[in-house]
Each structure stands twice: as structure tokens, then as C-alpha cells.
PDB file of all heavy atoms in Angstrom:
ATOM      1  N   ARG A   1      89.513  -9.491 144.629  1.00  0.00           N
ATOM      2  CA  ARG A   1      90.124  -8.252 145.125  1.00  0.00           C
ATOM      3  C   ARG A   1      91.566  -8.132 144.679  1.00  0.00           C
ATOM      4  O   ARG A   1      92.091  -7.039 144.605  1.00  0.00           O
ATOM      5  CB  ARG A   1      90.083  -8.225 146.666  1.00  0.00           C
ATOM      6  CG  ARG A   1      88.701  -7.955 147.223  1.00  0.00           C
ATOM      7  CD  ARG A   1      88.650  -8.060 148.735  1.00  0.00           C
ATOM      8  NE  ARG A   1      87.404  -7.591 149.299  1.00  0.00           N
ATOM      9  CZ  ARG A   1      87.006  -7.711 150.533  1.00  0.00           C
ATOM     10  NH1 ARG A   1      87.783  -8.359 151.383  1.00  0.00           N
ATOM     11  NH2 ARG A   1      85.838  -7.242 150.940  1.00  0.00           N
ATOM     12  N   LEU A   2      92.173  -9.292 144.363  1.00  0.00           N
ATOM     13  CA  LEU A   2      93.528  -9.286 143.886  1.00  0.00           C
ATOM     14  C   LEU A   2      93.630  -9.332 142.359  1.00  0.00           C
ATOM     15  O   LEU A   2      94.688  -9.373 141.763  1.00  0.00           O
ATOM     16  CB  LEU A   2      94.290 -10.474 144.447  1.00  0.00           C
ATOM     17  CG  LEU A   2      94.320 -10.641 145.966  1.00  0.00           C
ATOM     18  CD1 LEU A   2      95.119 -11.875 146.364  1.00  0.00           C
ATOM     19  CD2 LEU A   2      94.895  -9.393 146.611  1.00  0.00           C
ATOM     20  N   GLY A   3      92.447  -9.378 141.696  1.00  0.00           N
ATOM     21  CA  GLY A   3      92.428  -9.402 140.231  1.00  0.00           C
ATOM     22  C   GLY A   3      92.614 -10.773 139.649  1.00  0.00           C
ATOM     23  O   GLY A   3      92.922 -10.880 138.458  1.00  0.00           O
ATOM     24  N   ALA A   4      92.434 -11.834 140.419  1.00  0.00           N
ATOM     25  CA  ALA A   4      92.651 -13.226 139.931  1.00  0.00           C
ATOM     26  C   ALA A   4      91.384 -13.711 139.202  1.00  0.00           C
ATOM     27  O   ALA A   4      90.656 -14.570 139.664  1.00  0.00           O
ATOM     28  CB  ALA A   4      93.008 -14.169 141.059  1.00  0.00           C
ATOM     29  N   VAL A   5      91.184 -13.114 138.055  1.00  0.00           N
ATOM     30  CA  VAL A   5      89.887 -13.354 137.323  1.00  0.00           C
ATOM     31  C   VAL A   5      89.817 -14.758 136.763  1.00  0.00           C
ATOM     32  O   VAL A   5      88.684 -15.254 136.525  1.00  0.00           O
ATOM     33  CB  VAL A   5      89.735 -12.280 136.205  1.00  0.00           C
ATOM     34  CG1 VAL A   5      90.718 -12.510 135.087  1.00  0.00           C
ATOM     35  CG2 VAL A   5      88.313 -12.259 135.717  1.00  0.00           C
ATOM     36  N   ASP A   6      90.928 -15.429 136.578  1.00  0.00           N
ATOM     37  CA  ASP A   6      90.923 -16.780 135.998  1.00  0.00           C
ATOM     38  C   ASP A   6      90.128 -17.742 136.905  1.00  0.00           C
ATOM     39  O   ASP A   6      89.367 -18.583 136.434  1.00  0.00           O
ATOM     40  CB  ASP A   6      92.305 -17.297 135.758  1.00  0.00           C
ATOM     41  CG  ASP A   6      93.168 -17.328 136.990  1.00  0.00           C
ATOM     42  OD1 ASP A   6      93.003 -16.453 137.878  1.00  0.00           O
ATOM     43  OD2 ASP A   6      94.088 -18.215 137.084  1.00  0.00           O
ATOM     44  N   ILE A   7      90.314 -17.639 138.221  1.00  0.00           N
ATOM     45  CA  ILE A   7      89.611 -18.494 139.159  1.00  0.00           C
ATOM     46  C   ILE A   7      88.140 -18.159 139.191  1.00  0.00           C
ATOM     47  O   ILE A   7      87.261 -19.057 139.205  1.00  0.00           O
ATOM     48  CB  ILE A   7      90.254 -18.406 140.563  1.00  0.00           C
ATOM     49  CG1 ILE A   7      91.699 -18.886 140.500  1.00  0.00           C
ATOM     50  CG2 ILE A   7      89.461 -19.196 141.604  1.00  0.00           C
ATOM     51  CD1 ILE A   7      92.479 -18.737 141.767  1.00  0.00           C
ATOM     52  N   LEU A   8      87.793 -16.871 139.168  1.00  0.00           N
ATOM     53  CA  LEU A   8      86.425 -16.437 139.138  1.00  0.00           C
ATOM     54  C   LEU A   8      85.744 -17.022 137.914  1.00  0.00           C
ATOM     55  O   LEU A   8      84.638 -17.607 138.011  1.00  0.00           O
ATOM     56  CB  LEU A   8      86.323 -14.912 139.120  1.00  0.00           C
ATOM     57  CG  LEU A   8      84.944 -14.351 138.853  1.00  0.00           C
ATOM     58  CD1 LEU A   8      83.998 -14.659 140.023  1.00  0.00           C
ATOM     59  CD2 LEU A   8      85.026 -12.842 138.659  1.00  0.00           C
ATOM     60  N   GLU A   9      86.364 -16.901 136.766  1.00  0.00           N
ATOM     61  CA  GLU A   9      85.718 -17.391 135.525  1.00  0.00           C
ATOM     62  C   GLU A   9      85.423 -18.852 135.551  1.00  0.00           C
ATOM     63  O   GLU A   9      84.351 -19.340 135.178  1.00  0.00           O
ATOM     64  CB  GLU A   9      86.571 -17.042 134.310  1.00  0.00           C
ATOM     65  CG  GLU A   9      86.479 -15.574 133.914  1.00  0.00           C
ATOM     66  CD  GLU A   9      87.112 -15.325 132.557  1.00  0.00           C
ATOM     67  OE1 GLU A   9      88.287 -15.636 132.394  1.00  0.00           O
ATOM     68  OE2 GLU A   9      86.409 -14.832 131.654  1.00  0.00           O
ATOM     69  N   SER A  10      86.412 -19.623 136.014  1.00  0.00           N
ATOM     70  CA  SER A  10      86.203 -21.103 136.023  1.00  0.00           C
ATOM     71  C   SER A  10      85.111 -21.481 137.037  1.00  0.00           C
ATOM     72  O   SER A  10      84.332 -22.388 136.810  1.00  0.00           O
ATOM     73  CB  SER A  10      87.522 -21.841 136.305  1.00  0.00           C
ATOM     74  OG  SER A  10      88.001 -21.525 137.590  1.00  0.00           O
ATOM     75  N   TYR A  11      85.088 -20.777 138.170  1.00  0.00           N
ATOM     76  CA  TYR A  11      84.062 -21.083 139.186  1.00  0.00           C
ATOM     77  C   TYR A  11      82.685 -20.719 138.721  1.00  0.00           C
ATOM     78  O   TYR A  11      81.711 -21.383 138.992  1.00  0.00           O
ATOM     79  CB  TYR A  11      84.403 -20.418 140.501  1.00  0.00           C
ATOM     80  CG  TYR A  11      83.388 -20.679 141.566  1.00  0.00           C
ATOM     81  CD1 TYR A  11      83.140 -21.986 142.006  1.00  0.00           C
ATOM     82  CD2 TYR A  11      82.592 -19.675 142.118  1.00  0.00           C
ATOM     83  CE1 TYR A  11      82.179 -22.280 142.971  1.00  0.00           C
ATOM     84  CE2 TYR A  11      81.642 -19.933 143.068  1.00  0.00           C
ATOM     85  CZ  TYR A  11      81.442 -21.223 143.503  1.00  0.00           C
ATOM     86  OH  TYR A  11      80.476 -21.499 144.472  1.00  0.00           O
ATOM     87  N   LEU A  12      82.589 -19.595 137.958  1.00  0.00           N
ATOM     88  CA  LEU A  12      81.273 -19.207 137.452  1.00  0.00           C
ATOM     89  C   LEU A  12      80.711 -20.286 136.540  1.00  0.00           C
ATOM     90  O   LEU A  12      79.497 -20.539 136.521  1.00  0.00           O
ATOM     91  CB  LEU A  12      81.360 -17.856 136.706  1.00  0.00           C
ATOM     92  CG  LEU A  12      81.681 -16.625 137.550  1.00  0.00           C
ATOM     93  CD1 LEU A  12      81.642 -15.357 136.682  1.00  0.00           C
ATOM     94  CD2 LEU A  12      80.731 -16.530 138.747  1.00  0.00           C
ATOM     95  N   GLY A  13      81.589 -20.926 135.767  1.00  0.00           N
ATOM     96  CA  GLY A  13      81.141 -22.043 134.929  1.00  0.00           C
ATOM     97  C   GLY A  13      80.608 -23.171 135.795  1.00  0.00           C
ATOM     98  O   GLY A  13      79.581 -23.791 135.461  1.00  0.00           O
ATOM     99  N   TYR A  14      81.283 -23.491 136.884  1.00  0.00           N
ATOM    100  CA  TYR A  14      80.790 -24.510 137.816  1.00  0.00           C
ATOM    101  C   TYR A  14      79.434 -24.141 138.369  1.00  0.00           C
ATOM    102  O   TYR A  14      78.498 -24.968 138.352  1.00  0.00           O
ATOM    103  CB  TYR A  14      81.803 -24.628 138.952  1.00  0.00           C
ATOM    104  CG  TYR A  14      81.515 -25.715 139.973  1.00  0.00           C
ATOM    105  CD1 TYR A  14      81.927 -27.019 139.767  1.00  0.00           C
ATOM    106  CD2 TYR A  14      80.838 -25.428 141.174  1.00  0.00           C
ATOM    107  CE1 TYR A  14      81.690 -28.018 140.739  1.00  0.00           C
ATOM    108  CE2 TYR A  14      80.593 -26.406 142.123  1.00  0.00           C
ATOM    109  CZ  TYR A  14      81.028 -27.705 141.889  1.00  0.00           C
ATOM    110  OH  TYR A  14      80.770 -28.674 142.835  1.00  0.00           O
ATOM    111  N   LEU A  15      79.249 -22.875 138.744  1.00  0.00           N
ATOM    112  CA  LEU A  15      77.962 -22.435 139.288  1.00  0.00           C
ATOM    113  C   LEU A  15      76.850 -22.497 138.267  1.00  0.00           C
ATOM    114  O   LEU A  15      75.718 -22.893 138.586  1.00  0.00           O
ATOM    115  CB  LEU A  15      78.069 -21.005 139.820  1.00  0.00           C
ATOM    116  CG  LEU A  15      78.685 -20.807 141.211  1.00  0.00           C
ATOM    117  CD1 LEU A  15      78.532 -19.342 141.594  1.00  0.00           C
ATOM    118  CD2 LEU A  15      78.013 -21.680 142.258  1.00  0.00           C
ATOM    119  N   ARG A  16      77.134 -22.095 137.008  1.00  0.00           N
ATOM    120  CA  ARG A  16      76.118 -22.149 136.008  1.00  0.00           C
ATOM    121  C   ARG A  16      75.612 -23.546 135.782  1.00  0.00           C
ATOM    122  O   ARG A  16      74.402 -23.780 135.573  1.00  0.00           O
ATOM    123  CB  ARG A  16      76.617 -21.513 134.688  1.00  0.00           C
ATOM    124  CG  ARG A  16      76.670 -19.992 134.702  1.00  0.00           C
ATOM    125  CD  ARG A  16      76.929 -19.417 133.344  1.00  0.00           C
ATOM    126  NE  ARG A  16      78.294 -19.656 132.885  1.00  0.00           N
ATOM    127  CZ  ARG A  16      79.295 -18.786 133.075  1.00  0.00           C
ATOM    128  NH1 ARG A  16      79.064 -17.629 133.705  1.00  0.00           N
ATOM    129  NH2 ARG A  16      80.508 -19.064 132.674  1.00  0.00           N
ATOM    130  N   ASN A  17      76.522 -24.537 135.851  1.00  0.00           N
ATOM    131  CA  ASN A  17      76.090 -25.931 135.747  1.00  0.00           C
ATOM    132  C   ASN A  17      75.212 -26.349 136.905  1.00  0.00           C
ATOM    133  O   ASN A  17      74.237 -27.078 136.724  1.00  0.00           O
ATOM    134  CB  ASN A  17      77.357 -26.848 135.652  1.00  0.00           C
ATOM    135  CG  ASN A  17      77.920 -26.866 134.269  1.00  0.00           C
ATOM    136  OD1 ASN A  17      77.233 -27.150 133.306  1.00  0.00           O
ATOM    137  ND2 ASN A  17      79.214 -26.560 134.139  1.00  0.00           N
ATOM    138  N   LEU A  18      75.542 -25.855 138.107  1.00  0.00           N
ATOM    139  CA  LEU A  18      74.661 -26.191 139.283  1.00  0.00           C
ATOM    140  C   LEU A  18      73.300 -25.546 139.122  1.00  0.00           C
ATOM    141  O   LEU A  18      72.282 -26.169 139.412  1.00  0.00           O
ATOM    142  CB  LEU A  18      75.313 -25.663 140.569  1.00  0.00           C
ATOM    143  CG  LEU A  18      76.553 -26.473 141.057  1.00  0.00           C
ATOM    144  CD1 LEU A  18      76.998 -25.847 142.400  1.00  0.00           C
ATOM    145  CD2 LEU A  18      76.268 -27.926 141.208  1.00  0.00           C
ATOM    146  N   VAL A  19      73.275 -24.312 138.648  1.00  0.00           N
ATOM    147  CA  VAL A  19      72.016 -23.611 138.466  1.00  0.00           C
ATOM    148  C   VAL A  19      71.139 -24.370 137.450  1.00  0.00           C
ATOM    149  O   VAL A  19      69.961 -24.581 137.681  1.00  0.00           O
ATOM    150  CB  VAL A  19      72.276 -22.151 138.014  1.00  0.00           C
ATOM    151  CG1 VAL A  19      70.960 -21.493 137.573  1.00  0.00           C
ATOM    152  CG2 VAL A  19      72.879 -21.359 139.134  1.00  0.00           C
ATOM    153  N   ASP A  20      71.784 -24.790 136.352  1.00  0.00           N
ATOM    154  CA  ASP A  20      70.985 -25.546 135.362  1.00  0.00           C
ATOM    155  C   ASP A  20      70.454 -26.842 135.939  1.00  0.00           C
ATOM    156  O   ASP A  20      69.308 -27.231 135.695  1.00  0.00           O
ATOM    157  CB  ASP A  20      71.896 -25.883 134.152  1.00  0.00           C
ATOM    158  CG  ASP A  20      72.187 -24.640 133.300  1.00  0.00           C
ATOM    159  OD1 ASP A  20      71.527 -23.615 133.498  1.00  0.00           O
ATOM    160  OD2 ASP A  20      73.053 -24.747 132.434  1.00  0.00           O
ATOM    161  N   ALA A  21      71.288 -27.519 136.732  1.00  0.00           N
ATOM    162  CA  ALA A  21      70.895 -28.821 137.294  1.00  0.00           C
ATOM    163  C   ALA A  21      69.752 -28.653 138.323  1.00  0.00           C
ATOM    164  O   ALA A  21      68.913 -29.533 138.462  1.00  0.00           O
ATOM    165  CB  ALA A  21      72.069 -29.506 137.915  1.00  0.00           C
ATOM    166  N   SER A  22      69.742 -27.558 139.034  1.00  0.00           N
ATOM    167  CA  SER A  22      68.754 -27.358 140.056  1.00  0.00           C
ATOM    168  C   SER A  22      67.373 -26.986 139.445  1.00  0.00           C
ATOM    169  O   SER A  22      66.354 -27.194 140.091  1.00  0.00           O
ATOM    170  CB  SER A  22      69.180 -26.235 141.007  1.00  0.00           C
ATOM    171  OG  SER A  22      69.072 -24.957 140.419  1.00  0.00           O
ATOM    172  N   ALA A  23      67.373 -26.403 138.249  1.00  0.00           N
ATOM    173  CA  ALA A  23      66.145 -25.958 137.573  1.00  0.00           C
ATOM    174  C   ALA A  23      65.300 -25.121 138.481  1.00  0.00           C
ATOM    175  O   ALA A  23      64.057 -25.164 138.434  1.00  0.00           O
ATOM    176  CB  ALA A  23      65.358 -27.197 137.063  1.00  0.00           C
ATOM    177  N   GLY A  24      65.961 -24.287 139.302  1.00  0.00           N
ATOM    178  CA  GLY A  24      65.208 -23.382 140.184  1.00  0.00           C
ATOM    179  C   GLY A  24      64.758 -23.975 141.461  1.00  0.00           C
ATOM    180  O   GLY A  24      64.040 -23.363 142.232  1.00  0.00           O
ATOM    181  N   GLY A  25      65.158 -25.237 141.730  1.00  0.00           N
ATOM    182  CA  GLY A  25      64.722 -25.870 142.949  1.00  0.00           C
ATOM    183  C   GLY A  25      65.788 -25.874 144.024  1.00  0.00           C
ATOM    184  O   GLY A  25      66.636 -24.959 144.056  1.00  0.00           O
ATOM    185  N   HIS A  26      65.786 -26.864 144.856  1.00  0.00           N
ATOM    186  CA  HIS A  26      66.697 -26.956 145.985  1.00  0.00           C
ATOM    187  C   HIS A  26      68.157 -27.038 145.494  1.00  0.00           C
ATOM    188  O   HIS A  26      68.478 -27.742 144.556  1.00  0.00           O
ATOM    189  CB  HIS A  26      66.358 -28.195 146.799  1.00  0.00           C
ATOM    190  CG  HIS A  26      67.397 -28.586 147.814  1.00  0.00           C
ATOM    191  ND1 HIS A  26      67.742 -27.736 148.870  1.00  0.00           N
ATOM    192  CD2 HIS A  26      68.199 -29.676 147.916  1.00  0.00           C
ATOM    193  CE1 HIS A  26      68.694 -28.344 149.599  1.00  0.00           C
ATOM    194  NE2 HIS A  26      68.979 -29.510 149.029  1.00  0.00           N
ATOM    195  N   VAL A  27      69.016 -26.291 146.167  1.00  0.00           N
ATOM    196  CA  VAL A  27      70.444 -26.335 145.929  1.00  0.00           C
ATOM    197  C   VAL A  27      71.136 -26.795 147.190  1.00  0.00           C
ATOM    198  O   VAL A  27      70.862 -26.284 148.287  1.00  0.00           O
ATOM    199  CB  VAL A  27      71.017 -24.964 145.519  1.00  0.00           C
ATOM    200  CG1 VAL A  27      72.534 -25.034 145.376  1.00  0.00           C
ATOM    201  CG2 VAL A  27      70.391 -24.537 144.192  1.00  0.00           C
ATOM    202  N   GLN A  28      71.994 -27.778 147.087  1.00  0.00           N
ATOM    203  CA  GLN A  28      72.740 -28.285 148.230  1.00  0.00           C
ATOM    204  C   GLN A  28      73.813 -27.267 148.634  1.00  0.00           C
ATOM    205  O   GLN A  28      74.277 -26.482 147.811  1.00  0.00           O
ATOM    206  CB  GLN A  28      73.447 -29.616 147.870  1.00  0.00           C
ATOM    207  CG  GLN A  28      72.469 -30.745 147.518  1.00  0.00           C
ATOM    208  CD  GLN A  28      73.203 -31.978 147.033  1.00  0.00           C
ATOM    209  OE1 GLN A  28      72.529 -32.872 146.537  1.00  0.00           O
ATOM    210  NE2 GLN A  28      74.496 -32.048 147.173  1.00  0.00           N
ATOM    211  N   PRO A  29      74.257 -27.358 149.910  1.00  0.00           N
ATOM    212  CA  PRO A  29      75.351 -26.481 150.304  1.00  0.00           C
ATOM    213  C   PRO A  29      76.693 -26.961 149.800  1.00  0.00           C
ATOM    214  O   PRO A  29      77.638 -26.167 149.744  1.00  0.00           O
ATOM    215  CB  PRO A  29      75.265 -26.551 151.837  1.00  0.00           C
ATOM    216  CG  PRO A  29      74.577 -27.802 152.140  1.00  0.00           C
ATOM    217  CD  PRO A  29      73.631 -28.048 151.055  1.00  0.00           C
ATOM    218  N   VAL A  30      76.815 -28.211 149.431  1.00  0.00           N
ATOM    219  CA  VAL A  30      78.093 -28.767 149.053  1.00  0.00           C
ATOM    220  C   VAL A  30      77.899 -29.806 147.947  1.00  0.00           C
ATOM    221  O   VAL A  30      76.883 -30.558 147.941  1.00  0.00           O
ATOM    222  CB  VAL A  30      78.806 -29.395 150.283  1.00  0.00           C
ATOM    223  CG1 VAL A  30      77.992 -30.463 150.947  1.00  0.00           C
ATOM    224  CG2 VAL A  30      80.169 -29.928 149.884  1.00  0.00           C
ATOM    225  N   TYR A  31      78.864 -29.858 147.024  1.00  0.00           N
ATOM    226  CA  TYR A  31      78.876 -30.833 145.918  1.00  0.00           C
ATOM    227  C   TYR A  31      80.256 -31.397 145.779  1.00  0.00           C
ATOM    228  O   TYR A  31      81.264 -30.825 146.197  1.00  0.00           O
ATOM    229  CB  TYR A  31      78.450 -30.185 144.635  1.00  0.00           C
ATOM    230  CG  TYR A  31      76.967 -29.763 144.566  1.00  0.00           C
ATOM    231  CD1 TYR A  31      76.576 -28.524 145.116  1.00  0.00           C
ATOM    232  CD2 TYR A  31      76.024 -30.593 144.019  1.00  0.00           C
ATOM    233  CE1 TYR A  31      75.272 -28.141 145.106  1.00  0.00           C
ATOM    234  CE2 TYR A  31      74.677 -30.217 143.947  1.00  0.00           C
ATOM    235  CZ  TYR A  31      74.280 -28.980 144.511  1.00  0.00           C
ATOM    236  OH  TYR A  31      72.981 -28.592 144.486  1.00  0.00           O
TER     237      TYR A  31
END
């Protein structure tokens, strides 16, 4: 909402790695 896109971009990378690791299965609430 404040336009801080740098944090969004780096976090999306973190999420994509989690998605790949889960292979569509269970995802933990915390890592």
C-alpha cells in the first residue's frame, strides 16, 4: 500500500521456493 515493491519482490522469491519444495502438498505455517 506504500509502494515498497522491493520487499514484495524478495518475498515472492521466498514463496516460489516454498511452492516448489511443497510440490503441491502440505505447506507448513512457518519456516
